[in-house]
């Protein structure tokens, strides 16, 4: 069977009759008439088919084959003989008071899931930045319910008058729960106290970096939860200590050797088991030059041995052994690590029990930084929050 309405099928415009199609200046102009159907009067709720008059409205539609598409819609105004009032015909693909089709609106809003700027979205769809921004502001995400495992971290957002914002995620299901406007303790308390106490009591684990502010907040607001220190941030304390030792020691060297140690610092930071034979020979030469760097490197490797523990019981034993090894050498940088880890021992060991980390949260922070950079910053916090949640929420 042959079809005679191919154009209407391709466009997918319901109840529209195509009367003419023109190509003008690399633009496609489609002229439409709307079918005459009974409409319900919004004033008296009676049906009527009586036409009052017509008017032409030009609206933008999705681009077709690389060309901008404009619809010339011949809109009908109905007259109601019951209440003597007129009203506009309802068109399924054209929202009220809009000059772009509903599917174009949906497509633009879906574009904000990509890591791109508002300007680039507006240019791709041949609309103004104001229109694209207005559609972005229509996106709204409610306050989430808290799962059993949550992770919290901060990032530099510079939105809403605050320098830092907080991100709340579910590391178990790899989901972004919410973006908090500020990292201040009073704002954190105000946010979480609005959540039902029963839901807060159901939280079992709170994963975070080694922030005293977050730890105090978690203990106060989630009494049944175990605070978990992220392993990456724990290891970073040790690598920073090794770097501080290297920087102090290389000041004693001549220019050439100082430059050599600086350029070869990655060998000291790399795990011994991951080094090649050539890199191990290079490492041996570096460790023979400075006994303090040698001792620091051995402490670093012993700490990674602790981090390789298979369970919490093994981790407790190895951590105590590492504390004793640090006590046998006179390196203030590593003794400072021991002081820090002594205050965070419960949270550090908890990571070996539950297995959760802030890896997903940190990865999301990198995506947020890209969104912020390509947008040259977003000052409006609600818009920034919607942008982040929309770009990181999968459907």
Protein backbone atom coordinates (compact mmCIF):
# COMPACT_ATOMS: atom_id res chain seq x y z
CA UNK A 1 0.00 0.00 0.00
CA UNK A 2 1.36 3.45 -0.99
CA UNK A 3 1.43 6.30 1.50
CA UNK A 4 0.84 9.90 0.51
CA UNK A 5 1.73 11.50 3.85
CA UNK A 6 5.49 10.78 4.07
CA UNK A 7 6.31 14.35 5.11
CA UNK A 8 3.76 14.30 7.91
CA UNK A 9 5.10 10.92 9.11
CA UNK A 10 8.69 12.22 9.15
CA UNK A 11 7.79 15.41 11.03
CA UNK A 12 5.62 13.59 13.55
CA UNK A 13 3.33 16.57 14.20
CA UNK A 14 0.01 15.38 15.54
CA UNK A 15 -3.20 16.83 14.04
CA UNK A 16 -1.22 19.02 11.64
CA UNK A 17 -1.88 19.29 7.90
CA UNK A 18 1.13 20.36 5.83
CA UNK A 19 0.14 22.82 3.13
CA UNK A 20 3.55 23.98 1.84
CA UNK A 21 7.28 23.51 2.37
CA UNK A 22 9.84 26.10 1.29
CA UNK A 23 13.63 26.38 1.50
CA UNK A 24 14.61 29.99 2.21
CA UNK A 25 18.26 30.97 2.87
CA UNK A 26 19.23 27.44 3.98
CA UNK A 27 16.20 27.34 6.27
CA UNK A 28 13.21 25.02 5.98
CA UNK A 29 9.85 26.76 6.37
CA UNK A 30 6.87 24.44 6.84
CA UNK A 31 3.34 25.82 6.63
CA UNK A 32 0.73 24.00 8.72
CA UNK A 33 -3.01 23.99 9.17
CA UNK A 34 -4.51 22.44 12.27
CA UNK A 35 -7.41 20.00 12.00
CA UNK A 36 -10.83 21.24 13.01
CA UNK A 37 -11.88 19.37 16.14
CA UNK A 38 -14.32 19.99 18.94
CA UNK A 39 -12.69 21.92 21.78
CA UNK A 40 -13.81 22.38 25.39
CA UNK A 41 -14.32 25.99 26.35
CA UNK A 42 -12.02 26.84 29.30
CA UNK A 43 -14.63 29.30 30.63
CA UNK A 44 -17.88 27.30 30.67
CA UNK A 45 -16.61 23.77 29.87
CA UNK A 46 -18.98 23.34 26.87
CA UNK A 47 -17.76 21.86 23.59
CA UNK A 48 -17.71 23.90 20.42
CA UNK A 49 -16.46 23.64 16.83
CA UNK A 50 -17.29 27.19 15.87
CA UNK A 51 -14.31 29.15 14.49
CA UNK A 52 -13.84 32.78 15.45
CA UNK A 53 -10.72 33.69 13.41
CA UNK A 54 -7.15 32.59 12.52
CA UNK A 55 -3.66 33.85 13.08
CA UNK A 56 -0.23 32.72 11.93
CA UNK A 57 2.45 31.92 14.53
CA UNK A 58 6.04 31.12 13.56
CA UNK A 59 7.78 28.66 15.89
CA UNK A 60 11.15 26.93 15.85
CA UNK A 61 11.43 23.18 15.61
CA UNK A 62 14.31 20.70 15.74
CA UNK A 63 16.85 21.05 12.94
CA UNK A 64 16.37 18.71 10.01
CA UNK A 65 19.30 17.50 7.87
CA UNK A 66 21.46 20.34 9.19
CA UNK A 67 18.96 23.09 8.35
CA UNK A 68 16.97 25.21 10.80
CA UNK A 69 13.27 24.42 10.72
CA UNK A 70 10.51 27.00 11.19
CA UNK A 71 6.85 26.05 11.48
CA UNK A 72 4.24 28.53 10.25
CA UNK A 73 1.27 27.36 12.27
CA UNK A 74 -2.17 28.63 11.26
CA UNK A 75 -3.77 28.67 14.68
CA UNK A 76 -7.53 28.68 15.06
CA UNK A 77 -9.46 30.65 17.64
CA UNK A 78 -12.75 29.12 18.69
CA UNK A 79 -15.93 30.90 19.63
CA UNK A 80 -18.19 29.54 22.36
CA UNK A 81 -21.87 30.38 21.77
CA UNK A 82 -22.75 29.42 25.36
CA UNK A 83 -20.65 32.11 27.07
CA UNK A 84 -19.83 34.33 24.05
CA UNK A 85 -16.09 34.09 24.67
CA UNK A 86 -13.26 33.07 22.38
CA UNK A 87 -10.18 30.96 23.11
CA UNK A 88 -7.15 29.57 21.32
CA UNK A 89 -6.93 26.06 19.97
CA UNK A 90 -4.80 23.67 22.03
CA UNK A 91 -1.87 22.32 20.01
CA UNK A 92 -0.15 19.21 21.34
CA UNK A 93 3.35 20.06 20.08
CA UNK A 94 3.28 23.78 21.00
CA UNK A 95 3.21 24.88 24.67
CA UNK A 96 1.30 28.00 25.55
CA UNK A 97 3.19 31.31 25.23
CA UNK A 98 6.18 29.55 23.59
CA UNK A 99 7.87 30.06 20.25
CA UNK A 100 9.61 26.68 20.17
CA UNK A 101 8.01 23.24 20.01
CA UNK A 102 7.72 21.01 23.05
CA UNK A 103 10.03 18.39 21.56
CA UNK A 104 12.67 21.05 20.95
CA UNK A 105 12.34 22.12 24.58
CA UNK A 106 12.76 18.51 25.71
CA UNK A 107 15.79 18.06 23.45
CA UNK A 108 17.48 21.22 24.76
CA UNK A 109 16.85 20.17 28.36
CA UNK A 110 18.28 16.74 27.58
CA UNK A 111 21.37 18.41 26.06
CA UNK A 112 22.24 19.75 29.51
CA UNK A 113 23.10 16.18 30.53
CA UNK A 114 26.24 16.62 28.46
CA UNK A 115 29.28 18.46 29.78
CA UNK A 116 28.80 21.64 27.76
CA UNK A 117 28.07 25.31 28.25
CA UNK A 118 24.70 27.03 27.96
CA UNK A 119 26.07 29.06 25.07
CA UNK A 120 27.02 25.98 23.05
CA UNK A 121 23.58 24.41 23.62
CA UNK A 122 21.87 27.64 22.51
CA UNK A 123 24.01 27.90 19.37
CA UNK A 124 23.39 24.28 18.35
CA UNK A 125 19.63 24.81 18.51
CA UNK A 126 19.53 28.34 17.12
CA UNK A 127 17.98 29.88 20.22
CA UNK A 128 19.16 32.65 22.51
CA UNK A 129 21.11 31.98 25.70
CA UNK A 130 18.19 33.46 27.64
CA UNK A 131 15.84 30.82 26.23
CA UNK A 132 18.30 28.01 26.98
CA UNK A 133 18.83 29.34 30.51
CA UNK A 134 15.08 29.60 31.09
CA UNK A 135 14.67 25.95 30.10
CA UNK A 136 17.52 24.97 32.40
CA UNK A 137 15.76 26.73 35.27
CA UNK A 138 12.70 24.52 34.66
CA UNK A 139 14.75 21.50 35.71
CA UNK A 140 14.24 20.77 39.38
CA UNK A 141 15.38 17.96 41.66
CA UNK A 142 13.77 17.42 45.09
CA UNK A 143 15.64 16.78 48.30
CA UNK A 144 16.72 13.12 48.28
CA UNK A 145 16.06 10.35 50.78
CA UNK A 146 19.20 9.07 52.47
CA UNK A 147 20.42 5.51 51.72
CA UNK A 148 22.35 3.32 54.15
CA UNK A 149 25.69 4.49 52.74
CA UNK A 150 26.47 8.12 51.97
CA UNK A 151 29.64 9.98 51.03
CA UNK A 152 30.31 13.68 51.50
CA UNK A 153 33.02 15.89 50.06
CA UNK A 154 33.66 19.54 49.27
CA UNK A 155 34.55 21.26 46.02
CA UNK A 156 35.31 24.82 45.01
CA UNK A 157 32.17 26.09 43.30
CA UNK A 158 32.05 29.84 44.03
CA UNK A 159 28.24 29.81 43.75
CA UNK A 160 25.56 31.43 45.87
CA UNK A 161 28.07 33.68 47.62
CA UNK A 162 30.02 30.73 49.06
CA UNK A 163 33.49 29.67 47.98
CA UNK A 164 32.98 25.96 48.64
CA UNK A 165 30.00 23.69 48.05
CA UNK A 166 29.43 20.10 49.23
CA UNK A 167 28.46 17.04 47.26
CA UNK A 168 26.46 14.18 48.74
CA UNK A 169 26.62 10.80 46.96
CA UNK A 170 25.67 7.17 47.31
CA UNK A 171 29.00 5.32 46.75
CA UNK A 172 27.28 1.93 46.81
CA UNK A 173 25.04 2.63 43.79
CA UNK A 174 27.27 5.33 42.22
CA UNK A 175 24.61 8.07 42.46
CA UNK A 176 24.80 11.79 43.17
CA UNK A 177 22.22 12.55 45.85
CA UNK A 178 22.45 16.31 46.26
CA UNK A 179 24.60 19.44 46.12
CA UNK A 180 24.78 21.54 49.27
CA UNK A 181 25.24 25.30 49.04
CA UNK A 182 27.90 25.60 51.75
CA UNK A 183 30.34 23.52 53.77
CA UNK A 184 29.85 25.61 56.94
CA UNK A 185 28.84 23.58 59.97
CA UNK A 186 25.68 25.59 60.62
CA UNK A 187 24.55 25.10 57.02
CA UNK A 188 25.27 21.37 57.18
CA UNK A 189 23.27 21.05 60.40
CA UNK A 190 20.41 23.07 58.93
CA UNK A 191 20.31 20.83 55.84
CA UNK A 192 20.42 17.45 57.58
CA UNK A 193 18.11 18.41 60.45
CA UNK A 194 15.37 18.97 57.86
CA UNK A 195 15.59 15.27 57.03
CA UNK A 196 13.47 12.97 59.18
CA UNK A 197 15.36 11.64 62.20
CA UNK A 198 14.30 8.08 61.45
CA UNK A 199 15.92 8.28 58.00
CA UNK A 200 19.13 9.71 59.48
CA UNK A 201 19.25 6.89 62.03
CA UNK A 202 19.09 4.35 59.19
CA UNK A 203 22.40 5.56 57.73
CA UNK A 204 25.07 2.93 58.47
CA UNK A 205 28.21 4.42 56.88
CA UNK A 206 29.37 7.97 56.16
CA UNK A 207 32.43 8.09 53.86
CA UNK A 208 34.57 11.23 53.84
CA UNK A 209 38.06 12.63 53.56
CA UNK A 210 39.96 13.40 56.75
CA UNK A 211 37.94 16.49 57.61
CA UNK A 212 37.26 17.16 61.29
CA UNK A 213 34.25 19.29 60.33
CA UNK A 214 32.58 16.47 58.43
CA UNK A 215 33.44 13.95 61.14
CA UNK A 216 31.91 16.05 63.91
CA UNK A 217 28.80 16.63 61.81
CA UNK A 218 28.44 12.92 61.02
CA UNK A 219 28.77 11.88 64.67
CA UNK A 220 26.18 14.45 65.73
CA UNK A 221 23.58 13.86 63.01
CA UNK A 222 24.05 10.17 62.22
CA UNK A 223 24.42 8.50 65.65
CA UNK A 224 24.10 4.95 64.26
CA UNK A 225 26.56 5.44 61.41
CA UNK A 226 30.22 4.42 61.20
CA UNK A 227 32.46 7.16 59.82
CA UNK A 228 34.81 5.83 57.13
CA UNK A 229 38.00 7.61 56.09
CA UNK A 230 38.67 7.42 52.36
CA UNK A 231 41.79 5.34 51.64
CA UNK A 232 43.12 7.73 49.02
CA UNK A 233 43.17 10.63 51.47
CA UNK A 234 44.82 8.43 54.08
CA UNK A 235 47.61 7.40 51.68
CA UNK A 236 48.03 11.00 50.61
CA UNK A 237 49.17 11.94 54.12
CA UNK A 238 52.11 9.54 53.77
CA UNK A 239 53.06 10.58 50.22
CA UNK A 240 52.97 14.22 51.32
CA UNK A 241 55.28 13.37 54.22
CA UNK A 242 57.71 11.68 51.81
CA UNK A 243 57.59 14.69 49.50
CA UNK A 244 58.34 17.08 52.35
CA UNK A 245 61.37 14.98 53.32
CA UNK A 246 62.61 14.93 49.72
CA UNK A 247 62.27 18.69 49.34
CA UNK A 248 64.18 19.35 52.57
CA UNK A 249 66.95 16.87 51.73
CA UNK A 250 67.52 18.00 48.17
CA UNK A 251 68.23 21.53 49.42
CA UNK A 252 71.54 20.10 50.70
CA UNK A 253 72.54 18.87 47.22
CA UNK A 254 74.28 20.64 44.39
CA UNK A 255 72.30 22.09 41.52
CA UNK A 256 72.55 19.09 39.16
CA UNK A 257 71.67 16.52 41.81
CA UNK A 258 68.86 18.71 43.14
CA UNK A 259 67.32 18.93 39.67
CA UNK A 260 67.78 15.17 39.22
CA UNK A 261 65.91 14.37 42.43
CA UNK A 262 63.14 16.77 41.55
CA UNK A 263 62.61 15.26 38.10
CA UNK A 264 62.84 11.71 39.47
CA UNK A 265 60.47 12.18 42.39
CA UNK A 266 57.88 9.91 40.73
CA UNK A 267 60.24 6.96 41.29
CA UNK A 268 60.06 7.56 45.04
CA UNK A 269 56.26 7.82 44.93
CA UNK A 270 55.78 4.74 42.79
CA UNK A 271 55.36 1.41 44.57
CA UNK A 272 58.46 -0.78 44.51
CA UNK A 273 56.64 -3.75 43.01
CA UNK A 274 55.56 -1.61 40.05
CA UNK A 275 59.09 -0.42 39.17
CA UNK A 276 60.99 -1.83 36.23
CA UNK A 277 64.50 -3.24 36.63
CA UNK A 278 66.02 0.01 35.35
CA UNK A 279 63.90 2.10 37.69
CA UNK A 280 64.91 -0.06 40.65
CA UNK A 281 68.60 0.55 39.89
CA UNK A 282 67.87 4.27 39.70
CA UNK A 283 65.99 4.07 43.00
CA UNK A 284 68.92 2.31 44.73
CA UNK A 285 71.25 5.09 43.66
CA UNK A 286 68.90 7.76 45.03
CA UNK A 287 68.45 5.98 48.37
CA UNK A 288 72.21 5.58 48.87
CA UNK A 289 72.70 9.35 48.61
CA UNK A 290 70.31 10.27 51.45
CA UNK A 291 69.72 7.98 54.48
CA UNK A 292 66.72 10.08 55.51
CA UNK A 293 65.06 9.65 52.13
CA UNK A 294 65.86 5.93 52.32
CA UNK A 295 64.15 5.59 55.69
CA UNK A 296 61.19 7.64 54.47
CA UNK A 297 60.83 5.49 51.38
CA UNK A 298 60.85 2.31 53.47
CA UNK A 299 58.16 3.76 55.75
CA UNK A 300 56.10 4.62 52.69
CA UNK A 301 56.39 1.04 51.39
CA UNK A 302 55.55 -0.39 54.81
CA UNK A 303 52.46 1.80 54.93
CA UNK A 304 51.28 0.45 51.58
CA UNK A 305 51.82 -3.01 53.03
CA UNK A 306 49.33 -2.00 55.73
CA UNK A 307 46.91 -0.69 53.08
CA UNK A 308 47.03 -4.09 51.35
CA UNK A 309 45.45 -5.76 54.39
CA UNK A 310 42.66 -8.17 53.53
CA UNK A 311 40.53 -7.55 56.61
CA UNK A 312 40.21 -5.28 59.62
CA UNK A 313 42.02 -7.65 61.99
CA UNK A 314 45.06 -7.83 59.74
CA UNK A 315 44.90 -4.05 59.28
CA UNK A 316 44.96 -3.42 63.05
CA UNK A 317 48.11 -5.50 63.47
CA UNK A 318 49.94 -3.93 60.54
CA UNK A 319 49.00 -0.39 61.56
CA UNK A 320 50.45 -0.94 65.05
CA UNK A 321 53.63 -2.32 63.49
CA UNK A 322 53.89 0.75 61.26
CA UNK A 323 53.50 3.06 64.28
CA UNK A 324 56.39 1.22 65.97
CA UNK A 325 58.57 1.50 62.85
CA UNK A 326 57.97 5.26 62.66
CA UNK A 327 58.92 5.54 66.33
CA UNK A 328 62.29 3.92 65.61
CA UNK A 329 63.37 6.71 63.22
CA UNK A 330 63.69 10.43 63.82
CA UNK A 331 61.57 11.82 60.97
CA UNK A 332 59.14 14.52 62.20
CA UNK A 333 57.12 14.43 58.97
CA UNK A 334 56.11 10.80 59.57
CA UNK A 335 55.59 11.29 63.30
CA UNK A 336 53.02 13.93 62.34
CA UNK A 337 51.30 11.23 60.24
CA UNK A 338 51.22 8.94 63.27
CA UNK A 339 49.60 11.69 65.36
CA UNK A 340 46.95 12.19 62.67
CA UNK A 341 46.30 8.48 62.17
CA UNK A 342 46.03 7.96 65.94
CA UNK A 343 43.14 10.41 66.00
CA UNK A 344 41.55 8.77 62.96
CA UNK A 345 42.34 5.10 63.66
CA UNK A 346 38.70 3.99 63.98
CA UNK A 347 37.70 5.71 60.76
CA UNK A 348 40.77 4.41 58.87
CA UNK A 349 40.23 0.82 59.99
CA UNK A 350 36.52 1.02 59.14
CA UNK A 351 37.46 1.25 55.46
CA UNK A 352 38.79 -2.33 55.63
CA UNK A 353 35.50 -3.52 57.08
CA UNK A 354 32.99 -1.95 54.69
CA UNK A 355 35.06 -1.52 51.53
CA UNK A 356 33.52 1.85 50.54
CA UNK A 357 35.57 4.81 49.33
CA UNK A 358 35.17 8.32 47.94
CA UNK A 359 36.34 7.30 44.46
CA UNK A 360 33.00 7.94 42.76
CA UNK A 361 32.62 11.25 44.61
CA UNK A 362 36.06 12.47 43.54
CA UNK A 363 35.34 11.45 39.95
CA UNK A 364 32.11 13.44 40.03
CA UNK A 365 34.02 16.43 41.41
CA UNK A 366 36.24 16.33 38.33
CA UNK A 367 33.16 16.42 36.12
CA UNK A 368 31.82 19.37 38.10
CA UNK A 369 35.11 21.21 37.56
CA UNK A 370 34.76 20.71 33.80
CA UNK A 371 31.17 22.02 33.86
CA UNK A 372 32.29 25.03 35.87
CA UNK A 373 35.27 25.73 33.61
CA UNK A 374 33.41 25.57 30.28
CA UNK A 375 30.65 27.73 31.77
CA UNK A 376 33.20 30.28 33.08
CA UNK A 377 31.64 29.83 36.50
CA UNK A 378 27.99 29.68 37.61
CA UNK A 379 27.04 32.23 40.27
CA UNK A 380 23.42 31.16 40.74
CA UNK A 381 23.55 28.20 43.14
CA UNK A 382 20.14 26.70 42.29
CA UNK A 383 21.03 26.77 38.60
CA UNK A 384 24.45 25.26 39.38
CA UNK A 385 22.84 22.52 41.48
CA UNK A 386 20.31 21.64 38.78
CA UNK A 387 23.06 21.59 36.16
CA UNK A 388 25.20 19.19 38.19
CA UNK A 389 22.36 16.85 39.16
CA UNK A 390 21.00 16.79 35.62
CA UNK A 391 24.43 16.03 34.15
CA UNK A 392 25.22 13.29 36.67
CA UNK A 393 21.85 11.57 36.97
CA UNK A 394 21.33 8.60 34.67
CA UNK A 395 17.89 7.49 33.47
